Amino acid sequence: MEQVNSIMRVVFTGTNAAVPTSKYGTSGVFMQIHGKKLLFDCGEGTQQRMMRFNASINVDAVYLTHFDTDHVLGLPGLVRTMDMNNRDRPLDVFVPDEIVGKTKKLIAGVHGWPSYHINVTGFNEGVVSGYDEFDVKSFSTEHDYVSHGFVIDEGVLEGRLNAEKLQEKYGLTPGEKYGELKQGNSVEASDGTVIDPADVKSEPRSGRKVVYTGDCRSNQNVVENAVNADLLIHEATFHSDDSERAAKTSHSTAEEAAKTAEDADADRLVLTHVSSRYEGNRQSLKEDATNHFEDGHVQVADDGFEVRVSRN
């Protein structure tokens, strides 16, 4: 059974572009990984949909891709609710350097600053925040104003212990000595044989990698940051039939998103930020995407859609 802290849950709290409808909210992606609860973008009404879809509003950090209203209007309400719930620990809010001032005004202008501390931290390209088990990195995207995407990356993981070899060759069963080996320490078998971790571990392996583009035109920078992603969350505001409008508004079509996933050799593609013009026919975007990406590896997210990303 997968350990709780190793579970990576990705919950789409809002999947519509620009404006909410009675069925779909605006942008928000909740992620739970290694015990941390992160929120990427926070459109209008995000906190209500988080409650509805079993995504805790008591997040550790919020990451904003840019300052379009459909990505930020839910932030003041979320901040206020946590205050009324007696939050007593700081909240980290990470935003592009250029919108630090706007974000502070957005938070303070509605209710004033809450009783707990909020760290509004600006970023450019590179590591935004480093946790013990993973990093959150940013990369610039092509949109009509300053905009970034995010890479959530576990990096290179140590090899796994070969339990079968430990038991059959050395007579070791799971226990304290397994823990020592995992920490890189040598141990002794019951016959006095010294077991070096390198002798009973597999080769290092790649950890999980999830990429969230925010609003963007598909381009080479997105491809390079999404290389070998386990999950690519890419905006697909338009169908390729509306490619001229997509280009004019600095958005992507589903087909362009799929071509990006194909070029990056991503394992799975989830399309979000869908224009309300497709509300009755969102699956047409999936069909548009499968021109470049396998049908079983691409999905159009509805509000509440959940993905679990497993380790290799």
Protein backbone atom coordinates (compact mmCIF):
# COMPACT_ATOMS: atom_id res chain seq x y z
CA MET A 1 0.00 0.00 0.00
CA GLU A 2 1.27 3.48 -0.91
CA GLN A 3 2.31 5.52 2.11
CA VAL A 4 0.11 8.55 2.80
CA ASN A 5 2.97 11.03 2.56
CA SER A 6 4.06 9.68 -0.82
CA ILE A 7 0.62 10.12 -2.40
CA MET A 8 0.38 12.85 -5.01
CA ARG A 9 -3.22 14.01 -5.47
CA VAL A 10 -4.05 16.59 -8.10
CA VAL A 11 -7.58 18.01 -7.92
CA PHE A 12 -8.95 20.41 -10.51
CA THR A 13 -11.05 22.90 -8.57
CA GLY A 14 -11.85 25.11 -11.56
CA THR A 15 -11.43 24.38 -15.27
CA ASN A 16 -13.17 27.18 -17.16
CA ALA A 17 -11.42 30.03 -18.94
CA ALA A 18 -12.15 33.71 -18.26
CA VAL A 19 -15.54 33.47 -16.54
CA PRO A 20 -17.34 30.96 -14.32
CA THR A 21 -20.57 29.30 -15.40
CA SER A 22 -23.22 27.45 -13.41
CA LYS A 23 -21.29 24.23 -14.04
CA TYR A 24 -17.63 25.25 -14.16
CA GLY A 25 -15.48 27.54 -12.04
CA THR A 26 -12.36 29.40 -13.01
CA SER A 27 -8.76 28.33 -12.63
CA GLY A 28 -7.51 26.39 -9.65
CA VAL A 29 -5.40 23.24 -9.21
CA PHE A 30 -4.93 21.72 -5.75
CA MET A 31 -2.01 19.39 -5.11
CA GLN A 32 -1.24 17.24 -2.10
CA ILE A 33 2.27 15.80 -2.01
CA HIS A 34 4.49 14.57 0.84
CA GLY A 35 2.04 15.98 3.36
CA LYS A 36 2.12 19.46 1.79
CA LYS A 37 -1.04 21.08 0.43
CA LEU A 38 -0.44 23.47 -2.44
CA LEU A 39 -2.80 25.56 -4.58
CA PHE A 40 -1.93 26.72 -8.06
CA ASP A 41 -4.04 29.72 -9.07
CA CYS A 42 -7.16 30.76 -7.20
CA GLY A 43 -10.04 31.88 -9.39
CA GLU A 44 -13.37 33.18 -8.12
CA GLY A 45 -15.12 30.72 -5.78
CA THR A 46 -12.12 28.40 -5.49
CA GLN A 47 -12.54 27.81 -1.76
CA GLN A 48 -16.12 26.55 -2.15
CA ARG A 49 -15.12 24.08 -4.82
CA MET A 50 -12.14 22.94 -2.74
CA MET A 51 -14.55 22.06 0.06
CA ARG A 52 -16.83 20.28 -2.38
CA PHE A 53 -14.03 18.22 -3.90
CA ASN A 54 -12.23 17.17 -0.71
CA ALA A 55 -9.30 19.53 -1.20
CA SER A 56 -8.38 21.14 2.11
CA ILE A 57 -8.52 24.95 2.08
CA ASN A 58 -5.88 25.04 4.83
CA VAL A 59 -3.09 25.09 2.27
CA ASP A 60 0.59 25.58 2.96
CA ALA A 61 1.21 27.76 -0.09
CA VAL A 62 -0.50 29.43 -3.04
CA TYR A 63 1.27 29.85 -6.38
CA LEU A 64 -0.10 32.33 -8.93
CA THR A 65 0.85 32.04 -12.59
CA HIS A 66 -0.22 35.61 -13.44
CA PHE A 67 -2.72 38.31 -12.50
CA ASP A 68 -5.71 37.68 -14.78
CA THR A 69 -8.91 37.91 -12.73
CA ASP A 70 -9.93 34.31 -13.45
CA HIS A 71 -6.75 33.18 -11.69
CA VAL A 72 -6.67 35.47 -8.62
CA LEU A 73 -10.12 36.69 -7.55
CA GLY A 74 -10.64 33.81 -5.12
CA LEU A 75 -7.55 34.63 -3.08
CA PRO A 76 -9.01 37.29 -0.73
CA GLY A 77 -11.90 35.03 0.24
CA LEU A 78 -9.62 32.07 0.88
CA VAL A 79 -7.33 34.21 3.03
CA ARG A 80 -10.30 35.54 5.01
CA THR A 81 -11.81 32.11 5.62
CA MET A 82 -8.55 30.77 7.00
CA ASP A 83 -8.44 33.79 9.31
CA MET A 84 -11.98 33.09 10.56
CA ASN A 85 -10.93 29.45 11.08
CA ASN A 86 -8.20 30.72 13.46
CA ARG A 87 -5.24 29.87 11.30
CA ASP A 88 -2.12 30.51 13.36
CA ARG A 89 0.69 29.67 10.94
CA PRO A 90 2.07 31.72 8.06
CA LEU A 91 0.79 31.37 4.52
CA ASP A 92 3.23 31.57 1.62
CA VAL A 93 1.96 33.21 -1.55
CA PHE A 94 4.34 33.05 -4.51
CA VAL A 95 3.79 35.37 -7.47
CA PRO A 96 5.82 36.71 -10.41
CA ASP A 97 8.05 39.62 -9.34
CA GLU A 98 6.04 42.12 -11.36
CA ILE A 99 2.78 41.51 -9.48
CA VAL A 100 3.92 41.44 -5.86
CA GLY A 101 2.42 44.88 -5.21
CA LYS A 102 -0.85 44.04 -6.96
CA THR A 103 -1.20 40.84 -4.97
CA LYS A 104 -0.67 42.63 -1.65
CA LYS A 105 -3.30 45.21 -2.60
CA LEU A 106 -5.72 42.45 -3.65
CA ILE A 107 -5.39 40.73 -0.27
CA ALA A 108 -5.42 43.85 1.91
CA GLY A 109 -7.99 45.78 -0.09
CA VAL A 110 -10.89 43.46 0.69
CA HIS A 111 -10.54 42.65 4.41
CA GLY A 112 -7.21 44.10 5.46
CA TRP A 113 -4.39 41.82 6.52
CA PRO A 114 -5.42 38.72 8.47
CA SER A 115 -4.30 37.92 12.00
CA TYR A 116 -1.78 35.35 10.72
CA HIS A 117 1.25 36.28 8.65
CA ILE A 118 1.25 36.13 4.84
CA ASN A 119 4.55 36.01 2.99
CA VAL A 120 4.01 37.38 -0.51
CA THR A 121 7.20 36.43 -2.33
CA GLY A 122 8.13 37.34 -5.88
CA PHE A 123 9.87 35.01 -8.26
CA ASN A 124 11.38 34.87 -11.71
CA GLU A 125 12.46 31.75 -13.58
CA GLY A 126 14.03 28.98 -11.51
CA VAL A 127 13.37 27.40 -8.12
CA VAL A 128 10.47 29.16 -6.40
CA SER A 129 10.41 27.06 -3.24
CA GLY A 130 12.32 24.01 -2.12
CA TYR A 131 10.82 21.37 0.14
CA ASP A 132 12.62 18.36 1.58
CA GLU A 133 11.25 15.93 -1.00
CA PHE A 134 10.57 18.14 -4.03
CA ASP A 135 11.03 21.55 -5.61
CA VAL A 136 8.59 23.93 -7.24
CA LYS A 137 10.23 25.69 -10.17
CA SER A 138 8.88 28.37 -12.50
CA PHE A 139 9.35 29.03 -16.19
CA SER A 140 8.18 31.98 -18.26
CA THR A 141 5.29 31.49 -20.65
CA GLU A 142 4.05 33.46 -23.64
CA HIS A 143 0.87 35.29 -22.71
CA ASP A 144 -0.44 38.85 -23.02
CA TYR A 145 1.36 39.94 -19.84
CA VAL A 146 3.90 38.48 -17.41
CA SER A 147 2.99 34.83 -16.92
CA HIS A 148 4.70 31.70 -15.65
CA GLY A 149 4.17 27.98 -15.49
CA PHE A 150 5.30 25.64 -12.71
CA VAL A 151 7.24 22.38 -12.51
CA ILE A 152 6.74 20.24 -9.40
CA ASP A 153 9.70 17.86 -9.40
CA GLU A 154 10.98 15.22 -6.99
CA GLY A 155 14.30 15.10 -8.85
CA VAL A 156 16.42 11.96 -8.73
CA LEU A 157 15.41 9.43 -6.09
CA GLU A 158 17.62 6.85 -4.42
CA GLY A 159 17.30 3.29 -5.58
CA ARG A 160 14.95 0.90 -3.80
CA LEU A 161 16.12 -1.84 -1.44
CA ASN A 162 16.02 -5.32 -2.96
CA ALA A 163 13.96 -7.04 -0.26
CA GLU A 164 14.14 -10.41 -2.00
CA LYS A 165 17.96 -10.33 -2.07
CA LEU A 166 18.17 -9.15 1.53
CA GLN A 167 16.02 -12.02 2.71
CA GLU A 168 17.31 -14.84 0.52
CA LYS A 169 21.05 -14.01 0.57
CA TYR A 170 21.43 -12.34 3.96
CA GLY A 171 18.42 -13.55 5.95
CA LEU A 172 17.25 -9.99 6.67
CA THR A 173 13.54 -9.25 6.98
CA PRO A 174 12.02 -5.75 7.09
CA GLY A 175 12.92 -3.95 10.29
CA GLU A 176 15.43 -1.58 11.86
CA LYS A 177 18.32 -2.65 9.62
CA TYR A 178 16.27 -1.83 6.53
CA GLY A 179 15.98 1.69 7.87
CA GLU A 180 19.74 1.89 8.32
CA LEU A 181 20.34 0.73 4.76
CA LYS A 182 17.85 3.27 3.41
CA GLN A 183 19.80 5.99 5.20
CA GLY A 184 23.00 4.85 3.50
CA ASN A 185 24.52 3.00 6.45
CA SER A 186 26.11 -0.46 6.28
CA VAL A 187 24.69 -3.21 8.53
CA GLU A 188 25.70 -6.68 9.62
CA ALA A 189 23.79 -9.84 8.80
CA SER A 190 23.34 -12.48 11.53
CA ASP A 191 26.45 -14.32 10.27
CA GLY A 192 28.56 -11.17 10.55
CA THR A 193 28.57 -10.34 6.84
CA VAL A 194 28.74 -6.59 6.29
CA ILE A 195 26.07 -5.43 3.86
CA ASP A 196 26.79 -2.24 1.96
CA PRO A 197 23.71 -0.28 0.77
CA ALA A 198 25.08 -0.15 -2.77
CA ASP A 199 24.98 -3.97 -2.93
CA VAL A 200 21.26 -4.19 -2.23
CA LYS A 201 19.84 -1.04 -3.85
CA SER A 202 18.63 -0.56 -7.38
CA GLU A 203 19.95 2.26 -9.54
CA PRO A 204 18.71 5.80 -8.77
CA ARG A 205 15.46 6.64 -10.55
CA SER A 206 13.60 9.73 -11.62
CA GLY A 207 11.01 11.06 -9.20
CA ARG A 208 7.62 12.34 -10.23
CA LYS A 209 7.29 15.47 -12.32
CA VAL A 210 4.12 17.48 -12.84
CA VAL A 211 3.95 20.58 -15.04
CA TYR A 212 1.22 23.23 -14.94
CA THR A 213 1.34 25.83 -17.70
CA GLY A 214 -1.19 28.41 -16.58
CA ASP A 215 -2.29 30.57 -19.55
CA CYS A 216 0.06 30.38 -22.50
CA ARG A 217 0.84 29.90 -26.12
CA SER A 218 2.49 26.55 -26.68
CA ASN A 219 6.17 27.10 -27.44
CA GLN A 220 9.60 25.51 -27.10
CA ASN A 221 10.13 26.76 -23.56
CA VAL A 222 7.05 24.87 -22.40
CA VAL A 223 8.28 21.76 -24.20
CA GLU A 224 11.72 21.95 -22.59
CA ASN A 225 10.28 22.32 -19.10
CA ALA A 226 7.78 19.51 -19.64
CA VAL A 227 10.30 16.92 -20.89
CA ASN A 228 9.44 13.48 -19.47
CA ALA A 229 6.67 14.88 -17.26
CA ASP A 230 4.47 12.25 -15.63
CA LEU A 231 1.61 14.73 -15.93
CA LEU A 232 1.34 17.82 -18.10
CA ILE A 233 -1.53 20.13 -17.19
CA HIS A 234 -1.88 22.38 -20.22
CA GLU A 235 -4.38 25.08 -20.98
CA ALA A 236 -6.64 24.33 -23.97
CA THR A 237 -8.85 27.37 -24.24
CA PHE A 238 -9.82 26.68 -27.85
CA HIS A 239 -10.36 23.97 -30.45
CA SER A 240 -8.02 24.06 -33.45
CA ASP A 241 -10.96 25.34 -35.50
CA ASP A 242 -10.48 28.57 -33.50
CA SER A 243 -6.68 28.66 -33.83
CA GLU A 244 -6.63 32.26 -35.05
CA ARG A 245 -8.50 33.40 -31.97
CA ALA A 246 -6.17 31.35 -29.77
CA ALA A 247 -3.14 33.09 -31.25
CA LYS A 248 -4.76 36.53 -31.02
CA THR A 249 -5.58 36.08 -27.32
CA SER A 250 -2.26 34.38 -26.40
CA HIS A 251 -3.89 31.05 -25.61
CA SER A 252 -3.51 27.51 -26.92
CA THR A 253 -5.68 25.05 -28.76
CA ALA A 254 -6.13 21.46 -27.59
CA GLU A 255 -4.19 20.28 -30.62
CA GLU A 256 -1.28 22.61 -29.77
CA ALA A 257 -1.27 21.38 -26.18
CA ALA A 258 -1.13 17.79 -27.41
CA LYS A 259 1.72 18.58 -29.79
CA THR A 260 3.61 20.06 -26.82
CA ALA A 261 3.00 16.89 -24.79
CA GLU A 262 4.14 14.77 -27.72
CA ASP A 263 7.33 16.79 -28.24
CA ALA A 264 8.09 16.68 -24.50
CA ASP A 265 7.44 12.93 -24.32
CA ALA A 266 5.07 13.52 -21.42
CA ASP A 267 3.29 10.46 -20.07
CA ARG A 268 -0.13 12.00 -19.51
CA LEU A 269 -1.90 15.16 -20.64
CA VAL A 270 -4.82 16.86 -18.91
CA LEU A 271 -6.46 19.81 -20.64
CA THR A 272 -7.95 22.66 -18.63
CA HIS A 273 -8.86 26.38 -18.91
CA VAL A 274 -11.56 25.62 -21.47
CA SER A 275 -13.63 28.37 -23.07
CA SER A 276 -17.30 28.37 -22.10
CA ARG A 277 -18.19 28.16 -25.80
CA TYR A 278 -17.45 24.43 -25.54
CA GLU A 279 -19.49 23.81 -22.39
CA GLY A 280 -21.84 21.41 -24.10
CA ASN A 281 -19.10 19.73 -26.11
CA ARG A 282 -15.86 19.63 -24.16
CA GLN A 283 -15.00 16.22 -25.57
CA SER A 284 -14.40 17.85 -28.95
CA LEU A 285 -11.19 19.19 -27.39
CA LYS A 286 -10.11 15.67 -26.52
CA GLU A 287 -10.72 14.61 -30.10
CA ASP A 288 -8.69 17.62 -31.23
CA ALA A 289 -5.82 16.58 -28.97
CA THR A 290 -5.72 12.93 -30.06
CA ASN A 291 -4.37 13.99 -33.43
CA HIS A 292 -1.03 14.13 -31.62
CA PHE A 293 -1.44 12.22 -28.36
CA GLU A 294 -2.74 8.75 -27.52
CA ASP A 295 -6.42 8.66 -26.62
CA GLY A 296 -5.83 6.85 -23.34
CA HIS A 297 -3.27 9.40 -22.18
CA VAL A 298 -5.25 12.62 -22.67
CA GLN A 299 -8.29 13.89 -20.79
CA VAL A 300 -10.27 17.10 -20.53
CA ALA A 301 -10.65 18.05 -16.87
CA ASP A 302 -14.03 18.95 -15.41
CA ASP A 303 -14.30 20.62 -12.00
CA GLY A 304 -13.59 17.99 -9.37
CA PHE A 305 -11.53 15.78 -11.68
CA GLU A 306 -8.77 14.08 -9.70
CA VAL A 307 -5.50 12.50 -10.77
CA ARG A 308 -3.14 10.44 -8.63
CA VAL A 309 0.44 10.35 -9.82
CA SER A 310 2.25 7.18 -8.78
CA ARG A 311 5.95 6.69 -8.34
CA ASN A 312 7.91 4.72 -10.94
